[in-house]
Amino acid sequence: MDLTYLPFMMIDVTVVLGCSFALLSKRILCVLHPSFVYLLFHIFCVSFRLFLLLLGGTPMPNMPGVMSSDEICRAALLADLALVAMTVGWFWAMRRSRRSSRNSVTPTPTMLSRGVMVVAAVVTGIIGIIGLLYFGFAAHLTAEKLGEYNPSSYLFMTTSWAVQAVLILHFMFGFPKWLIAATSFVFFITMYNTARFTVVLGGLFLILTYASRTGRRWPTLKMSVLAAAIALLYFPMKTISSAIRDGEGFETVVQKAIDVYGAGARDERAAEVGFLDMAACVITLSDERGERFWGKPWLMIFSAPIPRQIWLDKPPLNEYLYTLQTSERPMATMGMTPLIFGDAYLNFGIIGVAFWPLIVGYFMGRLYHKAMLRGHLTAHRLVYLVLLATSLQLYRDCLAQAILFPTTAYLPLLMVALVNVIYGRRRNSALGFLPGRRFSNDRPVNAVVRLDSV
């Protein structure tokens, strides 16, 4: 046990509990509010990591001896500062939203068209199946006719579209048994054909969709079971996918998954929990560089959409990490990420850590309140749930990734919302409910949430 981390863990626990109680006291914290996702993110990346280090873990286990405990502790303090700033942003958004709601008319939402949603799901599903056949990890077909565009990341993104097709249907029609069965099959096929973020974020979107349709503030038992299953599968998912592609039997696949947890317990290098270490590494390298980036990495949002086949010398999205890395700390080469507070620090220093999370919290909080003023079957609610599910990219990576990810990997869901905005019919869901199915708690699917209750 390394007691060096004990004071900093106590500070972190105090900050997490203090922010949580403050949010609960004002009825802000709930499963659909951005605070719920970010608190879980912080607990996993910061609190849980400090606990492991307290038990005797090694900082940056993939590069033992390179990082000191002081670097980790400083990063933990900055993470707590970011959480406090984010909480202030959520409170600010709540005050502004409630004040503006008293002085404005009831918004007229863009209702989703059942026909548009079905057509979008079918088209997205067909493209997704083609993507899995041609570009999935287990694909036996080649795409030689595509030439230089074969390795394009845009084409690889289509491997996640089959999942998005069922997500569209769930958002529109809820959770009938036939759709749950179809979704289970699609998730299973996708799991061993593409990156695990597709399954993880898809599962998160389903949980958020269920909460949105039923109007629940907290996860139900079913939602909790799904979340637990996703959490359990997250770490061994790469191993499970590889075993399935190799044709291993069920018992072998299960045993390999268990071995992943065993390896993680014996060797931290296999545990995949060192996100705080990565942020600490970014912060130290930024100080050693002697100057800030002043938002330059965020400008990649303008160049990243250009296919590399057109711009052969296009810099990588994480070019700033190549600028920072050293031979002892090859961050970019090893695919490390800075986390939101590390990204803020390398761009603007400690002032950035205090203000950038506050801005993000305010922006997400405002989106939440605007979405909650509309019913579930509206384009506003759909876009908000997409941004909420993919906000993990913003918290883990830089701003450019957070903008590009939902507009590329989750393009079908955003496009179907846009089509509904352009061609859809507008109804005032605040004055009436959409005819449709009701759920076990007898809440109308398109009920509106009062701001004074959220």
Protein backbone atom coordinates (compact mmCIF):
# COMPACT_ATOMS: atom_id res chain seq x y z
CA MET A 1 0.00 0.00 0.00
CA ASP A 2 1.30 3.44 -0.96
CA LEU A 3 -0.05 6.02 1.51
CA THR A 4 1.27 8.85 -0.67
CA TYR A 5 -2.01 8.81 -2.53
CA LEU A 6 -4.27 8.70 0.54
CA PRO A 7 -4.67 12.49 1.07
CA PHE A 8 -5.36 13.03 -2.62
CA MET A 9 -7.86 10.19 -2.71
CA MET A 10 -9.64 11.71 0.28
CA ILE A 11 -9.74 15.07 -1.49
CA ASP A 12 -11.13 13.42 -4.60
CA VAL A 13 -13.81 11.52 -2.66
CA THR A 14 -14.80 14.74 -0.88
CA VAL A 15 -15.08 16.63 -4.16
CA VAL A 16 -17.11 13.86 -5.84
CA LEU A 17 -19.50 13.54 -2.91
CA GLY A 18 -19.80 17.31 -2.48
CA CYS A 19 -20.62 17.89 -6.16
CA SER A 20 -23.03 14.95 -6.18
CA PHE A 21 -24.92 16.13 -3.09
CA ALA A 22 -25.08 19.68 -4.43
CA LEU A 23 -26.55 18.44 -7.71
CA LEU A 24 -28.99 16.14 -5.92
CA SER A 25 -30.15 18.90 -3.60
CA LYS A 26 -31.28 20.96 -6.59
CA ARG A 27 -32.70 17.91 -8.43
CA ILE A 28 -30.21 18.38 -11.25
CA LEU A 29 -28.50 15.00 -11.18
CA CYS A 30 -30.39 12.30 -13.08
CA VAL A 31 -29.61 9.71 -15.72
CA LEU A 32 -30.37 12.05 -18.64
CA HIS A 33 -28.40 15.01 -17.27
CA PRO A 34 -24.78 15.34 -18.47
CA SER A 35 -23.61 15.30 -14.85
CA PHE A 36 -24.53 11.61 -14.58
CA VAL A 37 -22.25 10.56 -17.43
CA TYR A 38 -19.39 12.81 -16.37
CA LEU A 39 -19.49 11.70 -12.73
CA LEU A 40 -19.26 8.07 -13.82
CA PHE A 41 -16.39 9.01 -16.14
CA HIS A 42 -14.54 10.83 -13.34
CA ILE A 43 -15.06 8.02 -10.85
CA PHE A 44 -13.69 5.42 -13.28
CA CYS A 45 -10.75 7.42 -14.64
CA VAL A 46 -9.68 9.30 -11.48
CA SER A 47 -11.19 7.93 -8.27
CA PHE A 48 -10.82 4.24 -9.15
CA ARG A 49 -7.28 4.78 -10.43
CA LEU A 50 -6.25 6.56 -7.21
CA PHE A 51 -7.67 3.63 -5.25
CA LEU A 52 -5.58 1.14 -7.24
CA LEU A 53 -2.47 3.27 -6.76
CA LEU A 54 -3.20 3.46 -3.02
CA LEU A 55 -3.22 -0.34 -2.96
CA GLY A 56 0.27 -0.38 -4.43
CA GLY A 57 -0.20 0.18 -8.15
CA THR A 58 2.56 1.53 -10.38
CA PRO A 59 2.21 4.88 -12.16
CA MET A 60 2.23 4.38 -15.93
CA PRO A 61 2.77 0.60 -15.68
CA ASN A 62 3.55 0.33 -19.40
CA MET A 63 6.59 2.52 -18.79
CA PRO A 64 7.67 1.70 -15.21
CA GLY A 65 10.00 4.16 -13.53
CA VAL A 66 9.20 7.01 -15.90
CA MET A 67 6.45 8.75 -13.89
CA SER A 68 6.48 9.85 -10.28
CA SER A 69 3.65 9.81 -7.78
CA ASP A 70 3.81 13.62 -7.58
CA GLU A 71 2.74 13.86 -11.22
CA ILE A 72 -0.24 11.60 -10.60
CA CYS A 73 -1.29 13.55 -7.50
CA ARG A 74 -1.10 16.87 -9.32
CA ALA A 75 -3.19 15.47 -12.17
CA ALA A 76 -5.77 14.24 -9.64
CA LEU A 77 -6.05 17.73 -8.15
CA LEU A 78 -6.55 19.22 -11.62
CA ALA A 79 -9.19 16.58 -12.33
CA ASP A 80 -11.03 17.61 -9.16
CA LEU A 81 -10.77 21.26 -10.20
CA ALA A 82 -12.29 20.33 -13.56
CA LEU A 83 -15.17 18.51 -11.82
CA VAL A 84 -15.89 21.54 -9.63
CA ALA A 85 -15.78 23.80 -12.70
CA MET A 86 -18.09 21.46 -14.59
CA THR A 87 -20.53 21.50 -11.64
CA VAL A 88 -20.54 25.29 -11.63
CA GLY A 89 -21.35 25.17 -15.34
CA TRP A 90 -24.31 22.85 -14.73
CA PHE A 91 -25.68 25.14 -12.02
CA TRP A 92 -25.21 28.16 -14.26
CA ALA A 93 -27.09 26.43 -17.09
CA MET A 94 -29.92 25.51 -14.72
CA ARG A 95 -30.34 29.10 -13.53
CA ARG A 96 -30.28 30.51 -17.05
CA SER A 97 -32.70 27.89 -18.36
CA ARG A 98 -35.24 28.40 -15.58
CA ARG A 99 -35.05 32.16 -15.94
CA SER A 100 -35.51 32.07 -19.70
CA SER A 101 -38.37 29.55 -19.46
CA ARG A 102 -40.44 32.04 -17.45
CA ASN A 103 -40.08 34.72 -20.11
CA SER A 104 -40.49 32.66 -23.27
CA VAL A 105 -43.34 30.93 -25.03
CA THR A 106 -43.61 27.14 -25.07
CA PRO A 107 -41.31 25.83 -27.83
CA THR A 108 -42.80 24.15 -30.88
CA PRO A 109 -40.72 21.02 -31.49
CA THR A 110 -39.93 19.21 -34.70
CA MET A 111 -41.77 15.93 -34.39
CA LEU A 112 -40.20 12.78 -35.78
CA SER A 113 -41.90 11.12 -38.72
CA ARG A 114 -42.46 7.39 -38.35
CA GLY A 115 -41.96 6.87 -42.09
CA VAL A 116 -38.71 8.83 -42.20
CA MET A 117 -37.36 6.90 -39.23
CA VAL A 118 -38.21 3.50 -40.74
CA VAL A 119 -36.70 4.37 -44.13
CA ALA A 120 -33.59 5.75 -42.42
CA ALA A 121 -33.22 2.57 -40.34
CA VAL A 122 -33.53 0.35 -43.43
CA VAL A 123 -31.02 2.35 -45.49
CA THR A 124 -28.61 2.62 -42.56
CA GLY A 125 -28.92 -1.09 -41.86
CA ILE A 126 -28.18 -2.07 -45.46
CA ILE A 127 -25.10 0.17 -45.57
CA GLY A 128 -24.03 -1.19 -42.19
CA ILE A 129 -24.27 -4.80 -43.38
CA ILE A 130 -22.20 -3.96 -46.45
CA GLY A 131 -19.67 -2.21 -44.21
CA LEU A 132 -19.38 -5.26 -41.96
CA LEU A 133 -18.93 -7.58 -44.94
CA TYR A 134 -16.25 -5.48 -46.62
CA PHE A 135 -14.49 -3.57 -43.85
CA GLY A 136 -15.13 -5.48 -40.60
CA PHE A 137 -12.32 -7.23 -38.76
CA ALA A 138 -13.70 -10.64 -39.75
CA ALA A 139 -14.38 -9.71 -43.38
CA HIS A 140 -13.28 -12.29 -45.93
CA LEU A 141 -14.30 -10.12 -48.84
CA THR A 142 -11.88 -7.56 -50.19
CA ALA A 143 -12.50 -4.11 -51.55
CA GLU A 144 -9.72 -4.01 -54.12
CA LYS A 145 -11.89 -2.10 -56.57
CA LEU A 146 -11.86 0.83 -54.17
CA GLY A 147 -8.13 1.21 -54.65
CA GLU A 148 -6.57 3.85 -52.43
CA TYR A 149 -9.89 4.50 -50.68
CA ASN A 150 -9.99 0.98 -49.25
CA PRO A 151 -8.35 1.94 -45.92
CA SER A 152 -10.39 5.12 -45.52
CA SER A 153 -11.69 5.68 -41.99
CA TYR A 154 -14.94 6.93 -43.50
CA LEU A 155 -15.54 3.48 -44.98
CA PHE A 156 -14.58 1.76 -41.75
CA MET A 157 -17.14 3.88 -39.88
CA THR A 158 -19.91 2.13 -41.80
CA THR A 159 -19.23 -1.00 -39.74
CA SER A 160 -21.10 0.71 -36.88
CA TRP A 161 -24.15 1.61 -38.97
CA ALA A 162 -25.95 -1.69 -38.40
CA VAL A 163 -26.01 -0.86 -34.69
CA GLN A 164 -27.29 2.62 -35.44
CA ALA A 165 -30.10 1.19 -37.53
CA VAL A 166 -31.52 -0.64 -34.51
CA LEU A 167 -30.88 2.42 -32.32
CA ILE A 168 -33.11 4.46 -34.64
CA LEU A 169 -35.86 1.86 -34.33
CA HIS A 170 -35.54 1.72 -30.54
CA PHE A 171 -35.76 5.49 -30.28
CA MET A 172 -38.96 5.49 -32.35
CA PHE A 173 -40.72 2.28 -31.29
CA GLY A 174 -39.35 1.49 -27.86
CA PHE A 175 -38.33 -2.00 -26.77
CA PRO A 176 -40.63 -4.68 -28.20
CA LYS A 177 -39.31 -8.23 -27.87
CA TRP A 178 -38.68 -8.71 -31.60
CA LEU A 179 -36.53 -5.57 -31.71
CA ILE A 180 -34.61 -6.57 -28.58
CA ALA A 181 -33.82 -9.92 -30.23
CA ALA A 182 -32.70 -8.21 -33.43
CA THR A 183 -30.57 -5.76 -31.46
CA SER A 184 -28.87 -8.56 -29.54
CA PHE A 185 -27.96 -10.26 -32.81
CA VAL A 186 -26.67 -7.03 -34.38
CA PHE A 187 -24.60 -6.19 -31.30
CA PHE A 188 -23.10 -9.69 -31.29
CA ILE A 189 -22.14 -9.53 -34.97
CA THR A 190 -20.76 -6.02 -34.60
CA MET A 191 -18.80 -6.81 -31.44
CA TYR A 192 -16.22 -8.94 -33.24
CA ASN A 193 -16.16 -6.90 -36.45
CA THR A 194 -15.30 -3.40 -35.30
CA ALA A 195 -13.92 -1.32 -32.42
CA ARG A 196 -15.55 -1.81 -29.04
CA PHE A 197 -16.65 1.83 -28.78
CA THR A 198 -19.51 0.95 -31.14
CA VAL A 199 -20.98 -1.54 -28.68
CA VAL A 200 -20.24 0.53 -25.58
CA LEU A 201 -21.74 3.78 -26.88
CA GLY A 202 -24.60 1.87 -28.51
CA GLY A 203 -25.47 0.32 -25.17
CA LEU A 204 -25.26 3.72 -23.48
CA PHE A 205 -27.58 5.20 -26.09
CA LEU A 206 -30.11 2.42 -25.43
CA ILE A 207 -30.05 3.17 -21.69
CA LEU A 208 -30.57 6.87 -22.36
CA THR A 209 -33.36 6.11 -24.83
CA TYR A 210 -35.20 3.96 -22.29
CA ALA A 211 -34.92 6.68 -19.67
CA SER A 212 -36.09 9.31 -22.15
CA ARG A 213 -39.12 7.31 -23.28
CA THR A 214 -40.26 6.43 -19.79
CA GLY A 215 -39.39 9.73 -18.13
CA ARG A 216 -37.39 8.05 -15.38
CA ARG A 217 -34.83 10.01 -13.39
CA TRP A 218 -32.78 6.97 -12.37
CA PRO A 219 -31.84 3.69 -14.03
CA THR A 220 -34.26 0.80 -13.60
CA LEU A 221 -33.10 -2.72 -12.76
CA LYS A 222 -33.07 -3.62 -16.47
CA MET A 223 -31.03 -0.54 -17.32
CA SER A 224 -28.61 -1.31 -14.50
CA VAL A 225 -28.18 -4.89 -15.70
CA LEU A 226 -27.41 -3.67 -19.22
CA ALA A 227 -24.92 -1.13 -17.88
CA ALA A 228 -23.25 -3.81 -15.74
CA ALA A 229 -23.02 -6.15 -18.74
CA ILE A 230 -21.38 -3.42 -20.82
CA ALA A 231 -18.93 -2.65 -18.01
CA LEU A 232 -18.03 -6.33 -17.59
CA LEU A 233 -17.55 -6.82 -21.32
CA TYR A 234 -15.54 -3.64 -21.86
CA PHE A 235 -12.17 -4.95 -20.70
CA PRO A 236 -12.18 -8.42 -22.30
CA MET A 237 -14.12 -7.35 -25.41
CA LYS A 238 -11.02 -7.27 -27.63
CA THR A 239 -10.02 -10.74 -26.48
CA ILE A 240 -13.56 -12.09 -26.88
CA SER A 241 -13.82 -10.64 -30.39
CA SER A 242 -10.49 -12.15 -31.43
CA ALA A 243 -11.46 -15.57 -30.02
CA ILE A 244 -14.78 -15.55 -31.88
CA ARG A 245 -13.07 -14.63 -35.15
CA ASP A 246 -10.63 -17.50 -34.62
CA GLY A 247 -13.55 -19.93 -34.26
CA GLU A 248 -12.98 -20.74 -30.59
CA GLY A 249 -15.71 -22.60 -28.69
CA PHE A 250 -17.98 -20.98 -26.11
CA GLU A 251 -16.11 -22.40 -23.10
CA THR A 252 -12.77 -21.22 -24.52
CA VAL A 253 -14.12 -17.72 -25.13
CA VAL A 254 -15.45 -17.50 -21.57
CA GLN A 255 -12.15 -18.77 -20.15
CA LYS A 256 -10.15 -16.22 -22.13
CA ALA A 257 -12.43 -13.45 -20.86
CA ILE A 258 -11.82 -14.63 -17.28
CA ASP A 259 -8.08 -14.76 -17.98
CA VAL A 260 -8.18 -11.09 -19.00
CA TYR A 261 -9.43 -10.13 -15.55
CA GLY A 262 -6.86 -12.42 -13.97
CA ALA A 263 -4.07 -10.83 -15.99
CA GLY A 264 -5.32 -7.38 -15.03
CA ALA A 265 -5.19 -8.31 -11.37
CA ARG A 266 -1.63 -9.67 -11.67
CA ASP A 267 -0.24 -7.09 -14.09
CA GLU A 268 -1.50 -3.52 -14.35
CA ARG A 269 -0.31 -3.31 -17.94
CA ALA A 270 -3.28 -5.47 -18.91
CA ALA A 271 -5.85 -3.58 -16.82
CA GLU A 272 -6.53 -0.58 -19.13
CA VAL A 273 -7.29 1.80 -16.28
CA GLY A 274 -4.39 4.24 -16.62
CA PHE A 275 -6.27 7.23 -18.02
CA LEU A 276 -5.21 9.43 -15.10
CA ASP A 277 -1.60 8.43 -15.77
CA MET A 278 -1.96 9.53 -19.39
CA ALA A 279 -3.34 12.93 -18.36
CA ALA A 280 -0.48 13.34 -15.87
CA CYS A 281 1.98 12.53 -18.63
CA VAL A 282 0.44 15.19 -20.91
CA ILE A 283 0.59 17.80 -18.15
CA THR A 284 4.26 17.10 -17.42
CA LEU A 285 5.26 17.11 -21.08
CA SER A 286 3.37 20.37 -21.57
CA ASP A 287 5.35 21.99 -18.74
CA GLU A 288 8.61 20.65 -20.14
CA ARG A 289 7.75 22.14 -23.53
CA GLY A 290 7.59 25.56 -21.91
CA GLU A 291 4.66 27.01 -23.88
CA ARG A 292 0.96 26.41 -24.44
CA PHE A 293 -0.78 25.40 -27.64
CA TRP A 294 -3.48 28.09 -27.26
CA GLY A 295 -6.19 26.02 -28.95
CA LYS A 296 -4.17 25.04 -32.02
CA PRO A 297 -5.05 21.30 -31.71
CA TRP A 298 -8.74 22.24 -31.82
CA LEU A 299 -8.29 23.73 -35.30
CA MET A 300 -7.95 20.17 -36.60
CA ILE A 301 -11.75 20.07 -36.82
CA PHE A 302 -11.40 21.97 -40.10
CA SER A 303 -8.79 19.71 -41.71
CA ALA A 304 -9.80 16.33 -40.28
CA PRO A 305 -12.90 15.85 -42.51
CA ILE A 306 -10.70 15.97 -45.64
CA PRO A 307 -9.92 12.38 -46.73
CA ARG A 308 -6.23 11.53 -46.57
CA GLN A 309 -6.48 10.20 -50.12
CA ILE A 310 -7.08 13.78 -51.26
CA TRP A 311 -4.64 15.45 -48.85
CA LEU A 312 -1.72 13.05 -48.75
CA ASP A 313 0.26 15.10 -46.21
CA LYS A 314 -2.66 15.78 -43.88
CA PRO A 315 -1.39 15.90 -40.28
CA PRO A 316 -2.83 13.35 -37.85
CA LEU A 317 -5.59 14.42 -35.50
CA ASN A 318 -3.28 13.92 -32.51
CA GLU A 319 -0.38 15.83 -34.05
CA TYR A 320 0.02 17.80 -30.83
CA LEU A 321 0.90 14.58 -29.00
CA TYR A 322 3.67 13.90 -31.51
CA THR A 323 4.96 17.39 -30.72
CA LEU A 324 4.90 16.67 -26.99
CA GLN A 325 6.14 13.08 -26.85
CA THR A 326 9.69 12.06 -26.02
CA SER A 327 11.57 8.80 -26.38
CA GLU A 328 10.78 7.99 -22.72
CA ARG A 329 7.13 9.00 -23.04
CA PRO A 330 5.90 8.15 -26.56
CA MET A 331 2.30 9.26 -25.97
CA ALA A 332 1.22 9.54 -29.59
CA THR A 333 2.92 6.33 -30.66
CA MET A 334 1.18 4.41 -27.86
CA GLY A 335 -2.21 6.01 -28.59
CA MET A 336 -2.63 7.75 -25.25
CA THR A 337 -5.30 10.36 -24.55
CA PRO A 338 -5.15 13.57 -22.46
CA LEU A 339 -8.64 13.62 -20.85
CA ILE A 340 -10.57 16.89 -20.80
CA PHE A 341 -8.53 18.55 -18.06
CA GLY A 342 -5.22 17.50 -19.64
CA ASP A 343 -6.38 18.90 -22.96
CA ALA A 344 -7.38 22.16 -21.25
CA TYR A 345 -4.03 22.36 -19.44
CA LEU A 346 -1.80 21.87 -22.47
CA ASN A 347 -3.75 24.55 -24.33
CA PHE A 348 -4.31 27.21 -21.65
CA GLY A 349 -2.66 26.07 -18.43
CA ILE A 350 -4.43 25.94 -15.09
CA ILE A 351 -6.75 28.77 -16.20
CA GLY A 352 -7.97 26.46 -18.94
CA VAL A 353 -8.65 23.69 -16.44
CA ALA A 354 -10.82 26.12 -14.46
CA PHE A 355 -12.77 27.57 -17.38
CA TRP A 356 -12.95 25.02 -20.22
CA PRO A 357 -14.87 22.37 -18.21
CA LEU A 358 -17.14 25.16 -16.95
CA ILE A 359 -17.96 26.12 -20.55
CA VAL A 360 -18.54 22.47 -21.50
CA GLY A 361 -20.77 21.95 -18.46
CA TYR A 362 -22.80 25.06 -19.25
CA PHE A 363 -23.20 24.11 -22.93
CA MET A 364 -24.27 20.54 -22.16
CA GLY A 365 -26.56 21.75 -19.38
CA ARG A 366 -28.30 24.18 -21.70
CA LEU A 367 -28.75 21.45 -24.30
CA TYR A 368 -30.27 19.23 -21.63
CA HIS A 369 -32.86 21.79 -20.57
CA LYS A 370 -33.79 22.63 -24.17
CA ALA A 371 -34.21 18.92 -24.95
CA MET A 372 -36.31 18.31 -21.84
CA LEU A 373 -38.75 21.05 -22.87
CA ARG A 374 -39.62 18.89 -25.89
CA GLY A 375 -41.07 15.42 -25.90
CA HIS A 376 -39.19 12.22 -26.63
CA LEU A 377 -40.24 11.82 -30.25
CA THR A 378 -38.63 15.08 -31.35
CA ALA A 379 -35.50 15.91 -33.28
CA HIS A 380 -34.21 17.97 -30.34
CA ARG A 381 -34.31 15.00 -27.97
CA LEU A 382 -32.69 12.69 -30.53
CA VAL A 383 -29.78 15.07 -31.17
CA TYR A 384 -29.29 15.61 -27.45
CA LEU A 385 -29.09 11.88 -26.70
CA VAL A 386 -26.54 11.43 -29.50
CA LEU A 387 -24.38 14.23 -28.09
CA LEU A 388 -24.79 12.92 -24.54
CA ALA A 389 -23.77 9.37 -25.49
CA THR A 390 -20.76 10.57 -27.50
CA SER A 391 -19.71 13.15 -24.89
CA LEU A 392 -17.36 10.49 -23.55
CA GLN A 393 -15.14 11.30 -26.53
CA LEU A 394 -14.95 14.93 -25.40
CA TYR A 395 -14.10 13.91 -21.86
CA ARG A 396 -11.46 11.41 -23.00
CA ASP A 397 -9.94 13.12 -26.05
CA CYS A 398 -9.58 16.63 -27.42
CA LEU A 399 -12.30 18.94 -28.73
CA ALA A 400 -11.65 18.03 -32.38
CA GLN A 401 -12.40 14.36 -31.65
CA ALA A 402 -15.56 15.28 -29.78
CA ILE A 403 -16.94 17.20 -32.75
CA LEU A 404 -15.83 14.81 -35.48
CA PHE A 405 -16.92 11.62 -33.73
CA PRO A 406 -20.70 12.26 -33.61
CA THR A 407 -20.64 13.75 -37.11
CA THR A 408 -18.89 10.71 -38.61
CA ALA A 409 -19.41 7.61 -36.48
CA TYR A 410 -22.97 8.70 -35.56
CA LEU A 411 -23.79 10.38 -38.85
CA PRO A 412 -27.00 8.37 -39.53
CA LEU A 413 -28.64 9.43 -36.26
CA LEU A 414 -27.80 13.09 -36.82
CA MET A 415 -28.87 12.94 -40.46
CA VAL A 416 -32.25 11.43 -39.62
CA ALA A 417 -32.80 14.27 -37.16
CA LEU A 418 -31.86 16.80 -39.85
CA VAL A 419 -34.21 15.21 -42.38
CA ASN A 420 -37.03 15.41 -39.86
CA VAL A 421 -36.24 19.07 -39.23
CA ILE A 422 -36.40 19.82 -42.95
CA TYR A 423 -39.38 17.70 -43.95
CA GLY A 424 -41.01 16.82 -40.66
CA ARG A 425 -44.26 18.15 -39.28
CA ARG A 426 -44.20 20.55 -36.34
CA ARG A 427 -46.49 19.96 -33.39
CA ASN A 428 -46.59 21.46 -29.97
CA SER A 429 -45.94 18.50 -27.67
CA ALA A 430 -46.28 20.76 -24.64
CA LEU A 431 -50.01 21.03 -25.32
CA GLY A 432 -50.76 17.43 -26.24
CA PHE A 433 -49.35 13.93 -26.45
CA LEU A 434 -48.54 11.94 -29.53
CA PRO A 435 -50.88 9.01 -30.01
CA GLY A 436 -48.85 5.92 -29.39
CA ARG A 437 -47.79 3.24 -26.98
CA ARG A 438 -47.61 3.71 -23.25
CA PHE A 439 -45.26 1.95 -20.93
CA SER A 440 -45.63 0.18 -17.63
CA ASN A 441 -45.36 3.40 -15.65
CA ASP A 442 -48.21 4.86 -17.76
CA ARG A 443 -46.16 7.85 -18.86
CA PRO A 444 -46.96 9.20 -22.33
CA VAL A 445 -44.06 8.64 -24.67
CA ASN A 446 -44.03 12.29 -25.65
CA ALA A 447 -44.50 13.81 -22.22
CA VAL A 448 -42.59 17.02 -21.50
CA VAL A 449 -40.46 17.46 -18.39
CA ARG A 450 -41.01 20.60 -16.31
CA LEU A 451 -37.83 22.61 -15.75
CA ASP A 452 -38.69 23.19 -12.12
CA SER A 453 -38.57 19.42 -11.61
CA VAL A 454 -35.18 18.92 -13.24
